[in-house]
C-alpha cells in the first residue's frame, strides 16, 4: 500500500519502483501465467552487454568466443541446440531492434527445454537504426537452422510487414499498439530482414544440422541468383551426421 492505494512490486533486479492503482483497483495485464509445477531457471545470455562504457563484453574482444560457448553447451547439454536457439532469437531481436537480451529462461528439470524469450521491453524503438552487433551470434558462430533460413526467405518482398500489420490488428491489445508500431517500424522490419539475408549470404561455410538437411553456402556474390536459388540447389538430399562446417572467409573479401 502507498497513500492508501494498492501497489504492485515486481521481483527483478530493476524493479525498485512500485506500480500503484486507485484505491484497491489496479489495472494491469498478465503476460504469462505458468502452472505451479512449471518452474523457470534463469540463464545469462552469452552475448549480453556490460552496460559499462569502460568495460567490453567478452564476445567483443575474445577470438574464438563462439567456440567456447559451443563447447560449453556440447559438454553440459550434449548438443548445440541451445546455441541454435540463441541464433534464432538473435535474428528476432535484430528485426525488432532489441539489443537488451541479457538473460533468458528455460523450464527447470527439462533436459531439452527450449529458450523462453519473455523480456522484449526494449524493442520497437528507433526505426532508423539497425544495430548489427545484435547479430553477433550469427556472424561469429556461422550457424543457422535450415528451417530458419527457409522462413526468412518466405518473409521477403514485404510479407513480413504485411503479416505483422494483419495480425496486430486482431491482437487484443491493438488499441495500445497503434501508437507503438508505426509504418516506419513496419518498413524497418522489411529492411532488417534483407540485412539478415545479406549477412547470411556473406558467410561462406555456413551449415546447419540438428536433424535437418545440412547446407553449405559457397555462392558467388556476382552470381546474380535470387537468395533462394543457391540454397535449393546446394543442400544435401541425404541425412548427415551432426556436423557443422567452420565459417570461412566472407565472400568478396
C-alpha atoms as a PDB file:
ATOM      1  CA  UNK A   1       0.000   0.000   0.000  1.00  0.00           C
ATOM      2  CA  UNK A   2       1.099   3.562  -0.708  1.00  0.00           C
ATOM      3  CA  UNK A   3      -1.068   6.581   0.135  1.00  0.00           C
ATOM      4  CA  UNK A   4      -3.968   4.145   0.641  1.00  0.00           C
ATOM      5  CA  UNK A   5      -3.534   2.805  -2.888  1.00  0.00           C
ATOM      6  CA  UNK A   6      -2.859  -0.815  -3.780  1.00  0.00           C
ATOM      7  CA  UNK A   7       0.605  -1.229  -5.306  1.00  0.00           C
ATOM      8  CA  UNK A   8       2.424  -3.979  -7.152  1.00  0.00           C
ATOM      9  CA  UNK A   9       6.119  -4.593  -6.532  1.00  0.00           C
ATOM     10  CA  UNK A  10       7.947  -6.612  -9.166  1.00  0.00           C
ATOM     11  CA  UNK A  11      10.618  -9.173  -8.304  1.00  0.00           C
ATOM     12  CA  UNK A  12      13.545  -8.300 -10.530  1.00  0.00           C
ATOM     13  CA  UNK A  13      16.876  -6.512 -10.495  1.00  0.00           C
ATOM     14  CA  UNK A  14      15.451  -3.228 -11.754  1.00  0.00           C
ATOM     15  CA  UNK A  15      12.008  -3.294 -10.100  1.00  0.00           C
ATOM     16  CA  UNK A  16      12.517  -0.709  -7.349  1.00  0.00           C
ATOM     17  CA  UNK A  17       9.522   1.489  -8.170  1.00  0.00           C
ATOM     18  CA  UNK A  18       6.021   0.167  -7.421  1.00  0.00           C
ATOM     19  CA  UNK A  19       3.057   0.438  -9.777  1.00  0.00           C
ATOM     20  CA  UNK A  20       0.112   1.789  -7.818  1.00  0.00           C
ATOM     21  CA  UNK A  21      -3.577   1.843  -8.598  1.00  0.00           C
ATOM     22  CA  UNK A  22      -6.504   3.918  -7.435  1.00  0.00           C
ATOM     23  CA  UNK A  23      -7.581   2.674  -4.049  1.00  0.00           C
ATOM     24  CA  UNK A  24      -7.939  -1.098  -4.266  1.00  0.00           C
ATOM     25  CA  UNK A  25      -8.254  -1.086  -8.077  1.00  0.00           C
ATOM     26  CA  UNK A  26      -5.074  -1.746 -10.053  1.00  0.00           C
ATOM     27  CA  UNK A  27      -5.253  -2.081 -13.823  1.00  0.00           C
ATOM     28  CA  UNK A  28      -2.710  -4.406 -15.423  1.00  0.00           C
ATOM     29  CA  UNK A  29      -2.047  -7.193 -17.887  1.00  0.00           C
ATOM     30  CA  UNK A  30      -0.881 -10.741 -17.247  1.00  0.00           C
ATOM     31  CA  UNK A  31       1.661 -11.591 -19.937  1.00  0.00           C
ATOM     32  CA  UNK A  32       2.468 -15.119 -18.816  1.00  0.00           C
ATOM     33  CA  UNK A  33       0.804 -17.337 -16.237  1.00  0.00           C
ATOM     34  CA  UNK A  34       2.558 -20.629 -15.539  1.00  0.00           C
ATOM     35  CA  UNK A  35       1.193 -23.688 -13.697  1.00  0.00           C
ATOM     36  CA  UNK A  36       2.640 -24.113 -10.224  1.00  0.00           C
ATOM     37  CA  UNK A  37       4.611 -27.210 -11.242  1.00  0.00           C
ATOM     38  CA  UNK A  38       6.413 -25.337 -14.049  1.00  0.00           C
ATOM     39  CA  UNK A  39       9.439 -23.564 -12.647  1.00  0.00           C
ATOM     40  CA  UNK A  40      11.742 -21.341 -14.641  1.00  0.00           C
ATOM     41  CA  UNK A  41      15.523 -21.297 -14.466  1.00  0.00           C
ATOM     42  CA  UNK A  42      17.398 -18.111 -15.290  1.00  0.00           C
ATOM     43  CA  UNK A  43      20.489 -18.153 -17.525  1.00  0.00           C
ATOM     44  CA  UNK A  44      22.810 -15.336 -18.512  1.00  0.00           C
ATOM     45  CA  UNK A  45      22.881 -14.719 -22.245  1.00  0.00           C
ATOM     46  CA  UNK A  46      26.389 -15.450 -23.624  1.00  0.00           C
ATOM     47  CA  UNK A  47      26.225 -12.322 -25.796  1.00  0.00           C
ATOM     48  CA  UNK A  48      24.882  -9.979 -23.137  1.00  0.00           C
ATOM     49  CA  UNK A  49      26.159  -6.411 -22.903  1.00  0.00           C
ATOM     50  CA  UNK A  50      28.029  -4.946 -19.951  1.00  0.00           C
ATOM     51  CA  UNK A  51      26.209  -1.567 -19.966  1.00  0.00           C
ATOM     52  CA  UNK A  52      29.518  -0.015 -18.911  1.00  0.00           C
ATOM     53  CA  UNK A  53      31.404   2.353 -21.223  1.00  0.00           C
ATOM     54  CA  UNK A  54      34.829   1.290 -19.932  1.00  0.00           C
ATOM     55  CA  UNK A  55      34.187  -2.475 -19.974  1.00  0.00           C
ATOM     56  CA  UNK A  56      33.848  -4.546 -23.142  1.00  0.00           C
ATOM     57  CA  UNK A  57      31.962  -7.847 -23.035  1.00  0.00           C
ATOM     58  CA  UNK A  58      33.968 -10.990 -23.784  1.00  0.00           C
ATOM     59  CA  UNK A  59      32.235 -11.576 -27.115  1.00  0.00           C
ATOM     60  CA  UNK A  60      33.533  -8.237 -28.422  1.00  0.00           C
ATOM     61  CA  UNK A  61      37.190  -8.848 -27.629  1.00  0.00           C
ATOM     62  CA  UNK A  62      37.844 -12.616 -27.444  1.00  0.00           C
ATOM     63  CA  UNK A  63      38.882 -14.556 -30.552  1.00  0.00           C
ATOM     64  CA  UNK A  64      37.068 -17.871 -30.852  1.00  0.00           C
ATOM     65  CA  UNK A  65      34.456 -16.838 -28.303  1.00  0.00           C
ATOM     66  CA  UNK A  66      31.716 -18.789 -30.054  1.00  0.00           C
ATOM     67  CA  UNK A  67      33.808 -21.966 -29.954  1.00  0.00           C
ATOM     68  CA  UNK A  68      33.960 -21.687 -26.166  1.00  0.00           C
ATOM     69  CA  UNK A  69      30.183 -21.201 -25.951  1.00  0.00           C
ATOM     70  CA  UNK A  70      29.561 -24.102 -28.344  1.00  0.00           C
ATOM     71  CA  UNK A  71      31.878 -26.428 -26.403  1.00  0.00           C
ATOM     72  CA  UNK A  72      30.185 -25.492 -23.142  1.00  0.00           C
ATOM     73  CA  UNK A  73      26.734 -26.385 -24.462  1.00  0.00           C
ATOM     74  CA  UNK A  74      28.082 -29.560 -26.047  1.00  0.00           C
ATOM     75  CA  UNK A  75      29.617 -30.707 -22.766  1.00  0.00           C
ATOM     76  CA  UNK A  76      26.750 -29.712 -20.467  1.00  0.00           C
ATOM     77  CA  UNK A  77      23.720 -30.332 -22.682  1.00  0.00           C
ATOM     78  CA  UNK A  78      25.045 -32.909 -25.148  1.00  0.00           C
ATOM     79  CA  UNK A  79      24.170 -30.866 -28.227  1.00  0.00           C
ATOM     80  CA  UNK A  80      24.329 -27.417 -29.774  1.00  0.00           C
ATOM     81  CA  UNK A  81      20.564 -26.932 -29.843  1.00  0.00           C
ATOM     82  CA  UNK A  82      20.732 -24.150 -27.258  1.00  0.00           C
ATOM     83  CA  UNK A  83      23.238 -22.270 -29.401  1.00  0.00           C
ATOM     84  CA  UNK A  84      20.948 -22.621 -32.428  1.00  0.00           C
ATOM     85  CA  UNK A  85      18.075 -21.325 -30.260  1.00  0.00           C
ATOM     86  CA  UNK A  86      20.192 -18.311 -29.348  1.00  0.00           C
ATOM     87  CA  UNK A  87      20.943 -17.604 -33.011  1.00  0.00           C
ATOM     88  CA  UNK A  88      17.251 -17.864 -33.906  1.00  0.00           C
ATOM     89  CA  UNK A  89      16.474 -15.430 -31.083  1.00  0.00           C
ATOM     90  CA  UNK A  90      19.254 -13.148 -32.280  1.00  0.00           C
ATOM     91  CA  UNK A  91      17.540 -12.747 -35.650  1.00  0.00           C
ATOM     92  CA  UNK A  92      14.227 -11.926 -33.968  1.00  0.00           C
ATOM     93  CA  UNK A  93      15.938  -9.375 -31.728  1.00  0.00           C
ATOM     94  CA  UNK A  94      17.601  -7.720 -34.713  1.00  0.00           C
ATOM     95  CA  UNK A  95      14.284  -7.462 -36.540  1.00  0.00           C
ATOM     96  CA  UNK A  96      12.545  -5.797 -33.591  1.00  0.00           C
ATOM     97  CA  UNK A  97      15.585  -3.724 -32.562  1.00  0.00           C
ATOM     98  CA  UNK A  98      16.121  -5.349 -29.166  1.00  0.00           C
ATOM     99  CA  UNK A  99      19.758  -5.080 -28.030  1.00  0.00           C
ATOM    100  CA  UNK A 100      18.869  -5.850 -24.414  1.00  0.00           C
ATOM    101  CA  UNK A 101      18.795  -9.659 -24.326  1.00  0.00           C
ATOM    102  CA  UNK A 102      20.857 -10.069 -21.161  1.00  0.00           C
ATOM    103  CA  UNK A 103      19.045 -13.111 -19.717  1.00  0.00           C
ATOM    104  CA  UNK A 104      16.840 -15.937 -20.862  1.00  0.00           C
ATOM    105  CA  UNK A 105      14.786 -18.600 -19.086  1.00  0.00           C
ATOM    106  CA  UNK A 106      14.125 -22.278 -19.619  1.00  0.00           C
ATOM    107  CA  UNK A 107      11.794 -24.697 -17.867  1.00  0.00           C
ATOM    108  CA  UNK A 108      13.586 -26.285 -14.940  1.00  0.00           C
ATOM    109  CA  UNK A 109      14.278 -30.039 -14.905  1.00  0.00           C
ATOM    110  CA  UNK A 110      13.592 -30.467 -18.642  1.00  0.00           C
ATOM    111  CA  UNK A 111      16.762 -31.562 -20.404  1.00  0.00           C
ATOM    112  CA  UNK A 112      15.837 -30.396 -23.912  1.00  0.00           C
ATOM    113  CA  UNK A 113      13.886 -27.299 -22.880  1.00  0.00           C
ATOM    114  CA  UNK A 114      13.812 -24.504 -25.432  1.00  0.00           C
ATOM    115  CA  UNK A 115      14.630 -20.903 -24.620  1.00  0.00           C
ATOM    116  CA  UNK A 116      11.824 -18.697 -23.370  1.00  0.00           C
ATOM    117  CA  UNK A 117      12.149 -15.096 -24.531  1.00  0.00           C
ATOM    118  CA  UNK A 118       9.947 -13.109 -22.189  1.00  0.00           C
ATOM    119  CA  UNK A 119      11.638  -9.733 -21.765  1.00  0.00           C
ATOM    120  CA  UNK A 120      11.203  -7.796 -25.005  1.00  0.00           C
ATOM    121  CA  UNK A 121      10.587  -4.403 -23.433  1.00  0.00           C
ATOM    122  CA  UNK A 122      13.360  -2.514 -25.260  1.00  0.00           C
ATOM    123  CA  UNK A 123      12.008  -3.290 -28.707  1.00  0.00           C
ATOM    124  CA  UNK A 124      10.282  -1.362 -31.485  1.00  0.00           C
ATOM    125  CA  UNK A 125      12.361   1.710 -30.721  1.00  0.00           C
ATOM    126  CA  UNK A 126      14.227   3.795 -33.284  1.00  0.00           C
ATOM    127  CA  UNK A 127      13.048   2.611 -36.735  1.00  0.00           C
ATOM    128  CA  UNK A 128      16.021   4.283 -38.437  1.00  0.00           C
ATOM    129  CA  UNK A 129      18.751   2.428 -36.506  1.00  0.00           C
ATOM    130  CA  UNK A 130      19.771  -1.119 -37.460  1.00  0.00           C
ATOM    131  CA  UNK A 131      22.128  -2.398 -34.742  1.00  0.00           C
ATOM    132  CA  UNK A 132      24.324  -5.001 -36.479  1.00  0.00           C
ATOM    133  CA  UNK A 133      26.030  -6.119 -33.259  1.00  0.00           C
ATOM    134  CA  UNK A 134      22.779  -7.821 -32.217  1.00  0.00           C
ATOM    135  CA  UNK A 135      23.590 -10.395 -34.910  1.00  0.00           C
ATOM    136  CA  UNK A 136      26.977 -11.238 -33.352  1.00  0.00           C
ATOM    137  CA  UNK A 137      25.996 -14.853 -32.508  1.00  0.00           C
ATOM    138  CA  UNK A 138      25.084 -15.403 -36.166  1.00  0.00           C
ATOM    139  CA  UNK A 139      28.210 -13.992 -37.802  1.00  0.00           C
ATOM    140  CA  UNK A 140      30.603 -15.160 -35.085  1.00  0.00           C
ATOM    141  CA  UNK A 141      29.275 -18.738 -34.965  1.00  0.00           C
ATOM    142  CA  UNK A 142      28.340 -19.080 -38.634  1.00  0.00           C
ATOM    143  CA  UNK A 143      25.499 -21.455 -37.825  1.00  0.00           C
ATOM    144  CA  UNK A 144      21.829 -21.434 -38.689  1.00  0.00           C
ATOM    145  CA  UNK A 145      18.978 -23.910 -38.826  1.00  0.00           C
ATOM    146  CA  UNK A 146      17.907 -24.673 -42.374  1.00  0.00           C
ATOM    147  CA  UNK A 147      14.267 -24.256 -41.343  1.00  0.00           C
ATOM    148  CA  UNK A 148      15.063 -20.740 -40.069  1.00  0.00           C
ATOM    149  CA  UNK A 149      16.680 -19.855 -43.396  1.00  0.00           C
ATOM    150  CA  UNK A 150      13.598 -21.089 -45.253  1.00  0.00           C
ATOM    151  CA  UNK A 151      11.285 -18.975 -43.113  1.00  0.00           C
ATOM    152  CA  UNK A 152      13.381 -15.881 -43.660  1.00  0.00           C
ATOM    153  CA  UNK A 153      13.161 -16.314 -47.421  1.00  0.00           C
ATOM    154  CA  UNK A 154       9.382 -16.722 -47.324  1.00  0.00           C
ATOM    155  CA  UNK A 155       9.009 -13.409 -45.466  1.00  0.00           C
ATOM    156  CA  UNK A 156      10.724 -11.320 -48.174  1.00  0.00           C
ATOM    157  CA  UNK A 157       9.128  -8.769 -50.506  1.00  0.00           C
ATOM    158  CA  UNK A 158       7.070  -7.069 -47.795  1.00  0.00           C
ATOM    159  CA  UNK A 159       5.384 -10.211 -46.492  1.00  0.00           C
ATOM    160  CA  UNK A 160       6.890  -9.745 -43.017  1.00  0.00           C
ATOM    161  CA  UNK A 161       5.484  -6.236 -42.552  1.00  0.00           C
ATOM    162  CA  UNK A 162       2.151  -7.151 -44.164  1.00  0.00           C
ATOM    163  CA  UNK A 163       1.731 -10.152 -41.858  1.00  0.00           C
ATOM    164  CA  UNK A 164       2.731  -8.124 -38.816  1.00  0.00           C
ATOM    165  CA  UNK A 165       0.193  -5.434 -39.683  1.00  0.00           C
ATOM    166  CA  UNK A 166      -2.552  -8.008 -40.278  1.00  0.00           C
ATOM    167  CA  UNK A 167      -2.077  -9.880 -37.017  1.00  0.00           C
ATOM    168  CA  UNK A 168      -1.523  -6.718 -34.968  1.00  0.00           C
ATOM    169  CA  UNK A 169      -4.995  -5.500 -35.897  1.00  0.00           C
ATOM    170  CA  UNK A 170      -6.608  -8.648 -34.481  1.00  0.00           C
ATOM    171  CA  UNK A 171      -4.489  -8.614 -31.310  1.00  0.00           C
ATOM    172  CA  UNK A 172      -6.466  -7.854 -28.101  1.00  0.00           C
ATOM    173  CA  UNK A 173      -4.016  -5.043 -27.295  1.00  0.00           C
ATOM    174  CA  UNK A 174      -4.361  -3.465 -30.751  1.00  0.00           C
ATOM    175  CA  UNK A 175      -5.595  -0.112 -29.325  1.00  0.00           C
ATOM    176  CA  UNK A 176      -2.365   0.164 -27.332  1.00  0.00           C
ATOM    177  CA  UNK A 177      -0.152  -0.974 -30.212  1.00  0.00           C
ATOM    178  CA  UNK A 178      -1.458   1.658 -32.605  1.00  0.00           C
ATOM    179  CA  UNK A 179       0.783   4.308 -31.132  1.00  0.00           C
ATOM    180  CA  UNK A 180       3.760   1.952 -30.829  1.00  0.00           C
ATOM    181  CA  UNK A 181       4.100   0.018 -34.096  1.00  0.00           C
ATOM    182  CA  UNK A 182       4.045   2.628 -36.838  1.00  0.00           C
ATOM    183  CA  UNK A 183       4.506   2.389 -40.596  1.00  0.00           C
ATOM    184  CA  UNK A 184       8.150   3.328 -40.026  1.00  0.00           C
ATOM    185  CA  UNK A 185       8.601   0.298 -37.782  1.00  0.00           C
ATOM    186  CA  UNK A 186       6.961  -1.979 -40.335  1.00  0.00           C
ATOM    187  CA  UNK A 187       9.265  -0.627 -43.039  1.00  0.00           C
ATOM    188  CA  UNK A 188      12.207  -1.250 -40.706  1.00  0.00           C
ATOM    189  CA  UNK A 189      11.161  -4.901 -40.338  1.00  0.00           C
ATOM    190  CA  UNK A 190      11.422  -5.495 -44.088  1.00  0.00           C
ATOM    191  CA  UNK A 191      14.705  -3.602 -44.356  1.00  0.00           C
ATOM    192  CA  UNK A 192      16.274  -5.502 -41.461  1.00  0.00           C
ATOM    193  CA  UNK A 193      15.094  -8.809 -42.902  1.00  0.00           C
ATOM    194  CA  UNK A 194      17.010  -8.054 -46.096  1.00  0.00           C
ATOM    195  CA  UNK A 195      20.040  -7.132 -43.972  1.00  0.00           C
ATOM    196  CA  UNK A 196      19.875 -10.513 -42.228  1.00  0.00           C
ATOM    197  CA  UNK A 197      19.654 -12.373 -45.524  1.00  0.00           C
ATOM    198  CA  UNK A 198      22.653 -10.466 -46.894  1.00  0.00           C
ATOM    199  CA  UNK A 199      24.559 -11.222 -43.694  1.00  0.00           C
ATOM    200  CA  UNK A 200      23.905 -14.936 -44.160  1.00  0.00           C
ATOM    201  CA  UNK A 201      24.826 -14.839 -47.842  1.00  0.00           C
ATOM    202  CA  UNK A 202      28.175 -13.318 -46.938  1.00  0.00           C
ATOM    203  CA  UNK A 203      29.084 -16.171 -44.599  1.00  0.00           C
ATOM    204  CA  UNK A 204      30.956 -18.836 -46.533  1.00  0.00           C
ATOM    205  CA  UNK A 205      30.886 -22.283 -44.968  1.00  0.00           C
ATOM    206  CA  UNK A 206      27.552 -21.817 -43.198  1.00  0.00           C
ATOM    207  CA  UNK A 207      25.907 -25.107 -42.334  1.00  0.00           C
ATOM    208  CA  UNK A 208      23.022 -26.337 -40.282  1.00  0.00           C
ATOM    209  CA  UNK A 209      22.282 -29.655 -38.649  1.00  0.00           C
ATOM    210  CA  UNK A 210      20.227 -30.909 -35.689  1.00  0.00           C
ATOM    211  CA  UNK A 211      18.145 -33.468 -37.546  1.00  0.00           C
ATOM    212  CA  UNK A 212      17.600 -31.401 -40.668  1.00  0.00           C
ATOM    213  CA  UNK A 213      19.329 -31.298 -44.045  1.00  0.00           C
ATOM    214  CA  UNK A 214      22.712 -29.618 -43.988  1.00  0.00           C
ATOM    215  CA  UNK A 215      23.674 -26.755 -46.262  1.00  0.00           C
ATOM    216  CA  UNK A 216      26.980 -25.121 -47.007  1.00  0.00           C
ATOM    217  CA  UNK A 217      26.907 -21.687 -48.574  1.00  0.00           C
ATOM    218  CA  UNK A 218      29.600 -21.185 -51.211  1.00  0.00           C
ATOM    219  CA  UNK A 219      27.681 -18.944 -53.578  1.00  0.00           C
ATOM    220  CA  UNK A 220      29.493 -16.304 -55.581  1.00  0.00           C
ATOM    221  CA  UNK A 221      28.486 -12.753 -54.772  1.00  0.00           C
ATOM    222  CA  UNK A 222      28.430 -11.975 -58.504  1.00  0.00           C
ATOM    223  CA  UNK A 223      26.132 -14.861 -59.447  1.00  0.00           C
ATOM    224  CA  UNK A 224      23.067 -12.647 -59.642  1.00  0.00           C
ATOM    225  CA  UNK A 225      20.872 -15.523 -58.445  1.00  0.00           C
ATOM    226  CA  UNK A 226      17.973 -14.774 -56.123  1.00  0.00           C
ATOM    227  CA  UNK A 227      18.681 -15.643 -52.489  1.00  0.00           C
ATOM    228  CA  UNK A 228      16.796 -18.922 -52.596  1.00  0.00           C
ATOM    229  CA  UNK A 229      18.415 -20.359 -55.722  1.00  0.00           C
ATOM    230  CA  UNK A 230      21.777 -21.427 -54.375  1.00  0.00           C
ATOM    231  CA  UNK A 231      20.251 -22.916 -51.249  1.00  0.00           C
ATOM    232  CA  UNK A 232      17.769 -25.143 -53.037  1.00  0.00           C
ATOM    233  CA  UNK A 233      20.485 -26.329 -55.440  1.00  0.00           C
ATOM    234  CA  UNK A 234      23.221 -26.998 -52.919  1.00  0.00           C
ATOM    235  CA  UNK A 235      21.636 -28.680 -49.903  1.00  0.00           C
ATOM    236  CA  UNK A 236      22.394 -32.360 -49.309  1.00  0.00           C
ATOM    237  CA  UNK A 237      19.448 -34.601 -50.092  1.00  0.00           C
ATOM    238  CA  UNK A 238      20.594 -37.313 -47.702  1.00  0.00           C
ATOM    239  CA  UNK A 239      20.664 -37.143 -43.916  1.00  0.00           C
ATOM    240  CA  UNK A 240      24.069 -36.342 -42.486  1.00  0.00           C
ATOM    241  CA  UNK A 241      25.750 -36.897 -39.161  1.00  0.00           C
ATOM    242  CA  UNK A 242      25.577 -33.941 -36.764  1.00  0.00           C
ATOM    243  CA  UNK A 243      28.450 -31.845 -38.084  1.00  0.00           C
ATOM    244  CA  UNK A 244      28.948 -28.141 -38.517  1.00  0.00           C
ATOM    245  CA  UNK A 245      31.261 -26.671 -41.121  1.00  0.00           C
ATOM    246  CA  UNK A 246      33.561 -23.968 -39.818  1.00  0.00           C
ATOM    247  CA  UNK A 247      32.893 -20.469 -41.025  1.00  0.00           C
ATOM    248  CA  UNK A 248      35.352 -19.468 -43.736  1.00  0.00           C
ATOM    249  CA  UNK A 249      36.280 -16.148 -45.260  1.00  0.00           C
ATOM    250  CA  UNK A 250      33.352 -13.817 -46.027  1.00  0.00           C
ATOM    251  CA  UNK A 251      32.564 -13.819 -49.743  1.00  0.00           C
ATOM    252  CA  UNK A 252      34.049 -10.920 -51.653  1.00  0.00           C
ATOM    253  CA  UNK A 253      36.850 -10.238 -49.173  1.00  0.00           C
END
